N, C-alpha and C. Protein backbone atom coordinates (compact mmCIF):
# COMPACT_ATOMS: atom_id res chain seq x y z
N MET A 1 -32.20 69.98 -39.85
CA MET A 1 -33.52 69.44 -39.92
C MET A 1 -33.60 68.33 -40.99
N LEU A 2 -34.20 67.30 -40.68
CA LEU A 2 -34.31 66.17 -41.62
C LEU A 2 -35.38 66.45 -42.68
N SER A 3 -35.07 66.02 -43.84
CA SER A 3 -36.05 66.19 -44.93
C SER A 3 -37.17 65.19 -44.74
N SER A 4 -38.36 65.68 -44.87
CA SER A 4 -39.52 64.79 -44.78
C SER A 4 -39.88 64.12 -46.05
N SER A 5 -39.18 64.43 -47.10
CA SER A 5 -39.51 63.85 -48.41
C SER A 5 -38.52 62.74 -48.74
N ARG A 6 -38.65 61.66 -48.01
CA ARG A 6 -37.82 60.50 -48.29
C ARG A 6 -38.33 59.76 -49.48
N ALA A 7 -37.45 59.28 -50.24
CA ALA A 7 -37.85 58.50 -51.41
C ALA A 7 -38.26 57.11 -50.91
N SER A 8 -39.45 56.72 -51.21
CA SER A 8 -39.89 55.38 -50.78
C SER A 8 -39.23 54.34 -51.65
N PRO A 9 -38.87 53.24 -51.04
CA PRO A 9 -38.22 52.21 -51.81
C PRO A 9 -39.15 51.63 -52.91
N LYS A 10 -38.58 51.35 -54.02
CA LYS A 10 -39.36 50.82 -55.13
C LYS A 10 -39.77 49.39 -54.79
N ARG A 11 -41.01 49.10 -55.04
CA ARG A 11 -41.46 47.74 -54.82
C ARG A 11 -41.34 46.99 -56.13
N VAL A 12 -40.70 45.88 -56.07
CA VAL A 12 -40.53 45.06 -57.26
C VAL A 12 -41.58 43.98 -57.24
N ALA A 13 -42.30 43.88 -58.29
CA ALA A 13 -43.31 42.79 -58.42
C ALA A 13 -42.58 41.49 -58.47
N ARG A 14 -43.00 40.62 -57.60
CA ARG A 14 -42.36 39.29 -57.57
C ARG A 14 -43.32 38.26 -58.15
N SER A 15 -42.77 37.45 -58.97
CA SER A 15 -43.58 36.33 -59.46
C SER A 15 -43.59 35.24 -58.37
N SER A 16 -44.54 34.42 -58.46
CA SER A 16 -44.58 33.31 -57.50
C SER A 16 -43.35 32.45 -57.64
N PRO A 17 -42.77 32.03 -56.55
CA PRO A 17 -41.55 31.25 -56.61
C PRO A 17 -41.77 29.92 -57.34
N LYS A 18 -40.80 29.52 -58.07
CA LYS A 18 -40.85 28.26 -58.77
C LYS A 18 -39.61 27.41 -58.35
N PRO A 19 -39.78 26.10 -58.43
CA PRO A 19 -38.57 25.29 -58.16
C PRO A 19 -37.47 25.70 -59.18
N ARG A 20 -36.29 25.50 -58.73
CA ARG A 20 -35.17 26.03 -59.54
C ARG A 20 -35.16 25.44 -60.93
N LEU A 21 -35.62 24.22 -61.17
CA LEU A 21 -35.62 23.63 -62.47
C LEU A 21 -37.05 23.47 -63.03
N TRP A 22 -37.96 24.38 -62.67
CA TRP A 22 -39.36 24.25 -63.03
C TRP A 22 -39.52 24.12 -64.55
N LEU A 23 -40.18 23.05 -64.91
CA LEU A 23 -40.42 22.78 -66.34
C LEU A 23 -41.88 22.74 -66.66
N GLY A 24 -42.71 22.72 -65.67
CA GLY A 24 -44.13 22.43 -65.91
C GLY A 24 -44.33 20.95 -65.72
N VAL A 25 -45.54 20.53 -65.46
CA VAL A 25 -45.75 19.10 -65.13
C VAL A 25 -45.46 18.21 -66.33
N SER A 26 -45.98 18.48 -67.49
CA SER A 26 -45.79 17.57 -68.62
C SER A 26 -44.29 17.50 -68.98
N GLU A 27 -43.62 18.62 -69.07
CA GLU A 27 -42.19 18.57 -69.35
C GLU A 27 -41.38 17.91 -68.24
N GLY A 28 -41.82 18.16 -66.99
CA GLY A 28 -41.17 17.51 -65.86
C GLY A 28 -41.30 16.04 -65.90
N LEU A 29 -42.51 15.55 -66.25
CA LEU A 29 -42.69 14.09 -66.36
C LEU A 29 -41.89 13.52 -67.50
N GLN A 30 -41.78 14.27 -68.56
CA GLN A 30 -40.92 13.83 -69.72
C GLN A 30 -39.44 13.74 -69.29
N ALA A 31 -39.00 14.76 -68.55
CA ALA A 31 -37.61 14.75 -68.04
C ALA A 31 -37.41 13.56 -67.09
N THR A 32 -38.43 13.27 -66.32
CA THR A 32 -38.36 12.13 -65.38
C THR A 32 -38.24 10.82 -66.18
N LYS A 33 -39.01 10.70 -67.23
CA LYS A 33 -38.99 9.49 -68.06
C LYS A 33 -37.60 9.32 -68.67
N GLU A 34 -37.04 10.39 -69.17
CA GLU A 34 -35.69 10.35 -69.73
C GLU A 34 -34.65 9.95 -68.67
N ALA A 35 -34.76 10.46 -67.46
CA ALA A 35 -33.86 10.10 -66.42
C ALA A 35 -34.04 8.60 -66.05
N LEU A 36 -35.26 8.15 -66.04
CA LEU A 36 -35.51 6.71 -65.72
C LEU A 36 -34.95 5.85 -66.83
N ASP A 37 -35.14 6.25 -68.09
CA ASP A 37 -34.60 5.44 -69.20
C ASP A 37 -33.07 5.36 -69.14
N ALA A 38 -32.46 6.40 -68.56
CA ALA A 38 -30.99 6.42 -68.45
C ALA A 38 -30.55 5.79 -67.14
N GLY A 39 -31.47 5.28 -66.34
CA GLY A 39 -31.16 4.62 -65.08
C GLY A 39 -30.75 5.61 -63.96
N GLN A 40 -31.11 6.87 -64.15
CA GLN A 40 -30.75 7.94 -63.17
C GLN A 40 -31.89 8.11 -62.16
N TRP A 41 -32.01 7.12 -61.29
CA TRP A 41 -33.11 7.08 -60.30
C TRP A 41 -33.11 8.29 -59.39
N GLN A 42 -31.97 8.67 -58.90
CA GLN A 42 -31.95 9.77 -57.96
C GLN A 42 -32.25 11.11 -58.65
N HIS A 43 -31.82 11.25 -59.89
CA HIS A 43 -32.15 12.48 -60.66
C HIS A 43 -33.65 12.50 -60.94
N ALA A 44 -34.25 11.36 -61.28
CA ALA A 44 -35.67 11.28 -61.50
C ALA A 44 -36.46 11.67 -60.23
N GLU A 45 -35.98 11.12 -59.11
CA GLU A 45 -36.60 11.46 -57.82
C GLU A 45 -36.54 12.97 -57.55
N ALA A 46 -35.38 13.57 -57.82
CA ALA A 46 -35.22 15.01 -57.59
C ALA A 46 -36.18 15.81 -58.46
N ILE A 47 -36.33 15.40 -59.70
CA ILE A 47 -37.29 16.13 -60.63
C ILE A 47 -38.70 16.04 -60.04
N LEU A 48 -39.09 14.80 -59.66
CA LEU A 48 -40.43 14.59 -59.18
C LEU A 48 -40.68 15.38 -57.85
N ARG A 49 -39.75 15.39 -56.99
CA ARG A 49 -39.89 16.17 -55.74
C ARG A 49 -40.03 17.66 -56.03
N GLU A 50 -39.32 18.17 -57.00
CA GLU A 50 -39.49 19.55 -57.39
C GLU A 50 -40.86 19.82 -58.00
N LEU A 51 -41.33 18.89 -58.83
CA LEU A 51 -42.65 19.00 -59.38
C LEU A 51 -43.72 19.08 -58.29
N LEU A 52 -43.55 18.29 -57.27
CA LEU A 52 -44.52 18.24 -56.16
C LEU A 52 -44.60 19.55 -55.40
N GLU A 53 -43.55 20.37 -55.47
CA GLU A 53 -43.59 21.63 -54.76
C GLU A 53 -44.70 22.52 -55.30
N PHE A 54 -45.03 22.40 -56.57
CA PHE A 54 -46.05 23.23 -57.19
C PHE A 54 -47.11 22.47 -57.93
N ALA A 55 -47.09 21.18 -57.88
CA ALA A 55 -48.12 20.35 -58.55
C ALA A 55 -48.45 19.20 -57.61
N SER A 56 -48.70 19.51 -56.38
CA SER A 56 -48.91 18.44 -55.34
C SER A 56 -50.27 17.75 -55.52
N ALA A 57 -51.13 18.26 -56.38
CA ALA A 57 -52.44 17.61 -56.58
C ALA A 57 -52.48 16.78 -57.83
N ASP A 58 -51.28 16.51 -58.47
CA ASP A 58 -51.23 15.73 -59.65
C ASP A 58 -50.94 14.27 -59.28
N PRO A 59 -51.92 13.37 -59.46
CA PRO A 59 -51.68 11.99 -59.07
C PRO A 59 -50.56 11.29 -59.85
N LYS A 60 -50.36 11.70 -61.09
CA LYS A 60 -49.27 11.07 -61.86
C LYS A 60 -47.90 11.28 -61.23
N VAL A 61 -47.73 12.51 -60.70
CA VAL A 61 -46.41 12.82 -60.11
C VAL A 61 -46.23 11.96 -58.85
N TRP A 62 -47.25 11.81 -58.02
CA TRP A 62 -47.16 10.99 -56.84
C TRP A 62 -46.90 9.52 -57.22
N ALA A 63 -47.62 9.04 -58.21
CA ALA A 63 -47.45 7.64 -58.59
C ALA A 63 -46.04 7.37 -59.14
N TRP A 64 -45.55 8.31 -59.97
CA TRP A 64 -44.19 8.13 -60.50
C TRP A 64 -43.17 8.14 -59.36
N LEU A 65 -43.33 9.07 -58.42
CA LEU A 65 -42.44 9.13 -57.30
C LEU A 65 -42.46 7.84 -56.51
N GLY A 66 -43.65 7.30 -56.30
CA GLY A 66 -43.77 6.02 -55.63
C GLY A 66 -43.04 4.93 -56.35
N ARG A 67 -43.14 4.89 -57.65
CA ARG A 67 -42.44 3.88 -58.44
C ARG A 67 -40.93 4.03 -58.36
N VAL A 68 -40.44 5.29 -58.45
CA VAL A 68 -39.03 5.55 -58.36
C VAL A 68 -38.48 5.11 -57.01
N LEU A 69 -39.21 5.38 -55.96
CA LEU A 69 -38.78 5.00 -54.61
C LEU A 69 -38.80 3.47 -54.49
N GLU A 70 -39.83 2.86 -55.02
CA GLU A 70 -39.97 1.43 -54.93
C GLU A 70 -38.84 0.69 -55.69
N VAL A 71 -38.47 1.18 -56.85
CA VAL A 71 -37.38 0.56 -57.59
C VAL A 71 -36.06 0.71 -56.86
N GLN A 72 -35.93 1.77 -56.09
CA GLN A 72 -34.73 1.98 -55.30
C GLN A 72 -34.70 1.20 -54.00
N GLY A 73 -35.77 0.38 -53.78
CA GLY A 73 -35.85 -0.45 -52.59
C GLY A 73 -36.39 0.32 -51.41
N ARG A 74 -37.03 1.44 -51.59
CA ARG A 74 -37.55 2.24 -50.48
C ARG A 74 -39.06 2.14 -50.39
N GLU A 75 -39.50 0.90 -50.18
CA GLU A 75 -40.91 0.58 -50.21
C GLU A 75 -41.73 1.35 -49.16
N SER A 76 -41.12 1.56 -47.95
CA SER A 76 -41.87 2.26 -46.91
C SER A 76 -42.08 3.70 -47.29
N GLU A 77 -41.20 4.31 -48.12
CA GLU A 77 -41.41 5.67 -48.57
C GLU A 77 -42.33 5.69 -49.77
N ALA A 78 -42.35 4.63 -50.54
CA ALA A 78 -43.14 4.54 -51.78
C ALA A 78 -44.63 4.40 -51.45
N LYS A 79 -44.97 3.63 -50.41
CA LYS A 79 -46.35 3.32 -50.07
C LYS A 79 -47.24 4.60 -49.91
N PRO A 80 -46.75 5.58 -49.10
CA PRO A 80 -47.62 6.77 -49.00
C PRO A 80 -47.79 7.54 -50.27
N CYS A 81 -46.81 7.45 -51.17
CA CYS A 81 -46.91 8.11 -52.48
C CYS A 81 -48.01 7.47 -53.28
N PHE A 82 -48.05 6.12 -53.30
CA PHE A 82 -49.12 5.41 -54.02
C PHE A 82 -50.47 5.72 -53.41
N GLU A 83 -50.53 5.75 -52.08
CA GLU A 83 -51.77 6.06 -51.43
C GLU A 83 -52.27 7.47 -51.75
N LYS A 84 -51.35 8.42 -51.79
CA LYS A 84 -51.71 9.78 -52.14
C LYS A 84 -52.21 9.84 -53.56
N ALA A 85 -51.55 9.15 -54.49
CA ALA A 85 -51.99 9.14 -55.89
C ALA A 85 -53.40 8.55 -55.99
N GLY A 86 -53.65 7.48 -55.27
CA GLY A 86 -54.98 6.88 -55.29
C GLY A 86 -56.04 7.78 -54.72
N ALA A 87 -55.72 8.48 -53.66
CA ALA A 87 -56.68 9.42 -53.02
C ALA A 87 -56.98 10.58 -53.99
N LEU A 88 -55.97 11.05 -54.68
CA LEU A 88 -56.15 12.17 -55.62
C LEU A 88 -57.00 11.73 -56.82
N ILE A 89 -56.79 10.50 -57.29
CA ILE A 89 -57.57 10.01 -58.41
C ILE A 89 -59.03 9.86 -57.97
N GLN A 90 -59.22 9.35 -56.78
CA GLN A 90 -60.60 9.19 -56.28
C GLN A 90 -61.27 10.55 -56.16
N ASN A 91 -60.54 11.53 -55.64
CA ASN A 91 -61.07 12.87 -55.49
C ASN A 91 -61.42 13.51 -56.85
N GLN A 92 -60.58 13.29 -57.83
CA GLN A 92 -60.84 13.81 -59.16
C GLN A 92 -62.11 13.16 -59.73
N HIS A 93 -62.27 11.86 -59.45
CA HIS A 93 -63.45 11.16 -59.95
C HIS A 93 -64.70 11.68 -59.30
N GLU A 94 -64.66 11.94 -57.97
CA GLU A 94 -65.81 12.46 -57.29
C GLU A 94 -66.15 13.89 -57.73
N MET A 95 -65.07 14.66 -57.99
CA MET A 95 -65.35 16.02 -58.50
C MET A 95 -65.95 16.02 -59.87
N SER A 96 -65.60 15.04 -60.70
CA SER A 96 -66.16 15.00 -62.03
C SER A 96 -67.65 14.64 -61.99
N LEU A 97 -68.10 14.04 -60.91
CA LEU A 97 -69.52 13.67 -60.71
C LEU A 97 -70.29 14.76 -60.01
N ALA A 98 -69.61 15.78 -59.52
CA ALA A 98 -70.24 16.78 -58.68
C ALA A 98 -70.98 17.85 -59.54
N SER A 99 -71.30 18.93 -58.88
CA SER A 99 -72.20 19.97 -59.39
C SER A 99 -71.99 20.49 -60.84
N PRO A 100 -70.81 20.85 -61.29
CA PRO A 100 -70.74 21.49 -62.60
C PRO A 100 -71.37 20.67 -63.75
N ALA A 101 -71.05 19.41 -63.84
CA ALA A 101 -71.61 18.61 -64.86
C ALA A 101 -73.11 18.43 -64.68
N SER A 102 -73.56 18.22 -63.45
CA SER A 102 -74.98 18.10 -63.20
C SER A 102 -75.72 19.37 -63.46
N LEU A 103 -75.12 20.52 -63.10
CA LEU A 103 -75.80 21.78 -63.38
C LEU A 103 -75.89 21.97 -64.86
N ALA A 104 -74.86 21.65 -65.59
CA ALA A 104 -74.90 21.77 -67.04
C ALA A 104 -76.03 20.88 -67.62
N LEU A 105 -76.11 19.67 -67.07
CA LEU A 105 -77.16 18.75 -67.53
C LEU A 105 -78.54 19.30 -67.19
N ALA A 106 -78.71 19.82 -65.99
CA ALA A 106 -80.00 20.42 -65.62
C ALA A 106 -80.41 21.54 -66.58
N LYS A 107 -79.44 22.40 -66.91
CA LYS A 107 -79.74 23.47 -67.85
C LYS A 107 -80.11 22.94 -69.20
N LEU A 108 -79.36 21.91 -69.62
CA LEU A 108 -79.64 21.34 -70.94
C LEU A 108 -81.04 20.72 -70.96
N LEU A 109 -81.41 20.01 -69.90
CA LEU A 109 -82.77 19.45 -69.80
C LEU A 109 -83.83 20.55 -69.88
N TRP A 110 -83.57 21.65 -69.16
CA TRP A 110 -84.51 22.76 -69.18
C TRP A 110 -84.70 23.33 -70.63
N GLN A 111 -83.56 23.51 -71.30
CA GLN A 111 -83.58 24.02 -72.66
C GLN A 111 -84.34 23.07 -73.62
N GLN A 112 -84.26 21.79 -73.28
CA GLN A 112 -84.93 20.83 -74.15
C GLN A 112 -86.38 20.54 -73.70
N HIS A 113 -86.86 21.43 -72.87
CA HIS A 113 -88.24 21.37 -72.35
C HIS A 113 -88.55 20.11 -71.52
N GLU A 114 -87.47 19.56 -70.93
CA GLU A 114 -87.62 18.46 -70.02
C GLU A 114 -87.65 19.06 -68.63
N LYS A 115 -88.70 19.87 -68.36
CA LYS A 115 -88.78 20.65 -67.12
C LYS A 115 -88.73 19.81 -65.88
N LYS A 116 -89.46 18.71 -65.84
CA LYS A 116 -89.48 17.89 -64.67
C LYS A 116 -88.12 17.31 -64.32
N GLY A 117 -87.43 16.80 -65.32
CA GLY A 117 -86.06 16.26 -65.11
C GLY A 117 -85.08 17.37 -64.67
N ALA A 118 -85.23 18.53 -65.27
CA ALA A 118 -84.37 19.66 -64.95
C ALA A 118 -84.57 20.06 -63.49
N ARG A 119 -85.85 20.14 -63.06
CA ARG A 119 -86.15 20.53 -61.65
C ARG A 119 -85.65 19.48 -60.68
N LEU A 120 -85.79 18.23 -61.04
CA LEU A 120 -85.31 17.15 -60.18
C LEU A 120 -83.79 17.22 -60.02
N MET A 121 -83.12 17.44 -61.13
CA MET A 121 -81.64 17.61 -61.04
C MET A 121 -81.24 18.81 -60.20
N LEU A 122 -81.96 19.92 -60.38
CA LEU A 122 -81.69 21.11 -59.60
C LEU A 122 -81.95 20.85 -58.10
N ALA A 123 -83.03 20.15 -57.80
CA ALA A 123 -83.33 19.83 -56.43
C ALA A 123 -82.25 18.99 -55.79
N THR A 124 -81.71 18.02 -56.55
CA THR A 124 -80.60 17.20 -56.07
C THR A 124 -79.38 18.06 -55.78
N LEU A 125 -79.09 19.01 -56.68
CA LEU A 125 -77.92 19.86 -56.50
C LEU A 125 -78.15 20.77 -55.28
N LEU A 126 -79.34 21.26 -55.10
CA LEU A 126 -79.65 22.13 -53.95
C LEU A 126 -79.58 21.32 -52.64
N SER A 127 -79.92 20.04 -52.71
CA SER A 127 -79.79 19.25 -51.47
C SER A 127 -78.33 19.08 -51.02
N ARG A 128 -77.44 19.09 -52.01
CA ARG A 128 -75.98 18.98 -51.69
C ARG A 128 -75.42 20.28 -51.20
N THR A 129 -75.85 21.36 -51.85
CA THR A 129 -75.31 22.69 -51.50
C THR A 129 -76.49 23.70 -51.45
N PRO A 130 -77.23 23.68 -50.34
CA PRO A 130 -78.42 24.49 -50.27
C PRO A 130 -78.18 26.00 -50.25
N ASP A 131 -76.99 26.47 -50.01
CA ASP A 131 -76.72 27.89 -49.97
C ASP A 131 -76.05 28.37 -51.24
N ASP A 132 -75.97 27.59 -52.28
CA ASP A 132 -75.34 27.98 -53.49
C ASP A 132 -76.14 29.05 -54.23
N ASP A 133 -75.59 30.24 -54.33
CA ASP A 133 -76.34 31.37 -54.91
C ASP A 133 -76.76 31.09 -56.38
N VAL A 134 -75.87 30.45 -57.14
CA VAL A 134 -76.18 30.15 -58.54
C VAL A 134 -77.37 29.24 -58.62
N LEU A 135 -77.40 28.19 -57.82
CA LEU A 135 -78.51 27.26 -57.87
C LEU A 135 -79.80 27.89 -57.35
N LEU A 136 -79.70 28.70 -56.31
CA LEU A 136 -80.89 29.41 -55.79
C LEU A 136 -81.48 30.34 -56.83
N GLN A 137 -80.63 31.06 -57.48
CA GLN A 137 -81.07 32.03 -58.50
C GLN A 137 -81.74 31.27 -59.68
N LEU A 138 -81.12 30.16 -60.07
CA LEU A 138 -81.71 29.37 -61.16
C LEU A 138 -83.07 28.82 -60.76
N SER A 139 -83.18 28.34 -59.53
CA SER A 139 -84.43 27.81 -59.03
C SER A 139 -85.54 28.92 -59.09
N LYS A 140 -85.16 30.12 -58.68
CA LYS A 140 -86.07 31.23 -58.70
C LYS A 140 -86.53 31.53 -60.15
N GLN A 141 -85.59 31.58 -61.04
CA GLN A 141 -85.87 31.84 -62.46
C GLN A 141 -86.83 30.76 -63.05
N TRP A 142 -86.54 29.53 -62.73
CA TRP A 142 -87.38 28.48 -63.28
C TRP A 142 -88.77 28.51 -62.65
N SER A 143 -88.87 28.87 -61.41
CA SER A 143 -90.22 28.99 -60.76
C SER A 143 -90.98 30.10 -61.42
N GLN A 144 -90.35 31.27 -61.66
CA GLN A 144 -91.04 32.37 -62.33
C GLN A 144 -91.42 32.03 -63.73
N ALA A 145 -90.58 31.27 -64.42
CA ALA A 145 -90.91 30.90 -65.79
C ALA A 145 -92.13 30.02 -65.88
N THR A 146 -92.30 29.18 -64.85
CA THR A 146 -93.43 28.24 -64.81
C THR A 146 -94.75 28.98 -64.52
N CYS A 147 -94.65 30.05 -63.72
CA CYS A 147 -95.86 30.79 -63.35
C CYS A 147 -96.41 31.61 -64.45
N ARG A 148 -95.66 31.87 -65.46
CA ARG A 148 -96.08 32.72 -66.55
C ARG A 148 -97.08 32.04 -67.45
């Protein structure tokens, strides 16, 4: 008869995979700069491509890769890298103008008793994201505070 008490295999916690030479973005860019200073274009490209495996939203990495490819005479490969860097920069700019800063400003206005400006800011935020629970709750709180 087979024993029903089999030892279950131990599960090993796995960390998220990293590129084999993962240095982090800032150290990776520094290593890239050193490779470029030494004229090691292919090594710089390899570092940048590994960085992109886990930092694909960093426009600096894309721009540097574009430059490395361009210097190697690979303009057709460089162009999409520059375009990606530009799109990421634009996206970062748009995100910096979006809700968190405006919400913070609306709250600040409210605290400074600039109720009309705060409500206007909140209304603008709600027009962008009408189902945002944080904004809806804040709107309710401010309405109740006014009725008192």
